[in-house]
């Protein structure tokens, strides 16, 4: 069984929002995803292209079943918290991708 890569990309309206978002990720959000089943996590500040400001958070899950368990049990609350803090009305856009690590 292959590991699953789960990437969340946040496109942010300005640098101040990116700093706030990075602070939030480091203050516990990433740890909560790992506690929910990910085996590793990485925060990437996208430098090129420089605009708009973006951050990718990359997680690895040990299986598709572990990822699905995370999305059913843990993701709804974590996503709601993120949307409350960084809502679309403030120009924040989240995209999510999953893939199989070969």
Protein backbone atom coordinates (compact mmCIF):
# COMPACT_ATOMS: atom_id res chain seq x y z
CA UNK A 1 0.00 0.00 0.00
CA UNK A 2 1.35 3.43 -0.93
CA UNK A 3 1.43 6.58 1.17
CA UNK A 4 -0.99 9.37 0.29
CA UNK A 5 0.09 12.97 -0.25
CA UNK A 6 -2.44 15.60 0.78
CA UNK A 7 -1.65 19.20 -0.17
CA UNK A 8 -3.61 22.26 0.93
CA UNK A 9 -2.79 25.46 -0.94
CA UNK A 10 -3.90 28.76 0.56
CA UNK A 11 -3.94 31.73 -1.78
CA UNK A 12 -3.94 34.86 0.35
CA UNK A 13 -4.84 38.49 -0.40
CA UNK A 14 -1.68 40.07 1.05
CA UNK A 15 1.53 39.44 2.96
CA UNK A 16 0.02 40.33 6.34
CA UNK A 17 -2.61 37.62 5.90
CA UNK A 18 0.10 35.14 4.86
CA UNK A 19 2.03 35.90 8.06
CA UNK A 20 -1.12 35.40 10.15
CA UNK A 21 -1.88 32.15 8.32
CA UNK A 22 1.64 30.80 8.86
CA UNK A 23 1.40 31.69 12.56
CA UNK A 24 -1.88 29.79 12.83
CA UNK A 25 -0.47 26.74 11.05
CA UNK A 26 2.56 26.65 13.36
CA UNK A 27 0.52 27.30 16.51
CA UNK A 28 -1.28 23.98 16.34
CA UNK A 29 -3.19 23.37 13.12
CA UNK A 30 -0.47 21.24 11.52
CA UNK A 31 -0.01 19.31 14.77
CA UNK A 32 -3.76 18.63 14.84
CA UNK A 33 -3.66 17.14 11.33
CA UNK A 34 -0.74 14.92 12.35
CA UNK A 35 -2.65 13.87 15.47
CA UNK A 36 -5.57 13.06 13.15
CA UNK A 37 -3.54 10.50 11.21
CA UNK A 38 -0.86 12.14 9.06
CA UNK A 39 2.64 10.74 9.51
CA UNK A 40 4.43 13.92 8.45
CA UNK A 41 3.80 17.52 7.49
CA UNK A 42 5.65 20.32 5.74
CA UNK A 43 4.79 24.01 5.40
CA UNK A 44 5.99 25.62 2.16
CA UNK A 45 5.92 29.37 1.51
CA UNK A 46 5.56 29.66 -2.26
CA UNK A 47 8.17 32.16 -3.44
CA UNK A 48 7.76 31.88 -7.22
CA UNK A 49 5.54 33.13 -8.55
CA UNK A 50 5.68 35.81 -5.88
CA UNK A 51 2.11 37.01 -6.35
CA UNK A 52 -0.40 36.27 -5.12
CA UNK A 53 1.00 35.18 -1.74
CA UNK A 54 0.54 31.44 -1.28
CA UNK A 55 1.32 28.76 1.27
CA UNK A 56 1.22 25.02 0.69
CA UNK A 57 0.87 22.59 3.55
CA UNK A 58 1.85 19.09 2.55
CA UNK A 59 0.87 16.08 4.61
CA UNK A 60 1.62 12.39 4.18
CA UNK A 61 -0.88 9.76 5.28
CA UNK A 62 0.10 6.07 5.52
CA UNK A 63 -2.85 4.91 3.42
CA UNK A 64 -5.98 6.06 1.66
CA UNK A 65 -8.00 4.61 4.54
CA UNK A 66 -6.07 6.75 7.04
CA UNK A 67 -6.70 9.83 4.88
CA UNK A 68 -10.41 9.01 4.64
CA UNK A 69 -10.63 8.53 8.41
CA UNK A 70 -9.00 11.93 8.84
CA UNK A 71 -11.46 13.59 6.42
CA UNK A 72 -14.45 12.05 8.19
CA UNK A 73 -13.44 12.53 11.83
CA UNK A 74 -11.01 15.43 12.03
CA UNK A 75 -11.10 17.55 8.89
CA UNK A 76 -14.58 19.08 9.29
CA UNK A 77 -13.72 20.85 12.54
CA UNK A 78 -10.23 21.84 11.42
CA UNK A 79 -11.51 23.20 8.11
CA UNK A 80 -14.29 25.13 9.85
CA UNK A 81 -11.73 26.75 12.15
CA UNK A 82 -9.59 27.73 9.16
CA UNK A 83 -12.55 29.19 7.27
CA UNK A 84 -13.61 31.17 10.32
CA UNK A 85 -10.14 32.68 10.71
CA UNK A 86 -9.42 33.07 6.98
CA UNK A 87 -12.77 33.39 5.19
CA UNK A 88 -13.28 33.68 1.44
CA UNK A 89 -14.83 37.10 2.05
CA UNK A 90 -11.34 38.30 3.03
CA UNK A 91 -9.91 37.01 -0.23
CA UNK A 92 -8.57 33.66 0.99
CA UNK A 93 -8.91 30.70 -1.36
CA UNK A 94 -8.16 27.10 -0.32
CA UNK A 95 -7.53 24.26 -2.77
CA UNK A 96 -6.87 20.66 -1.84
CA UNK A 97 -5.22 17.83 -3.75
CA UNK A 98 -4.53 14.22 -2.90
CA UNK A 99 -2.24 11.85 -4.72
CA UNK A 100 -0.46 8.54 -4.38
CA UNK A 101 3.24 8.66 -3.54
CA UNK A 102 5.06 6.34 -5.91
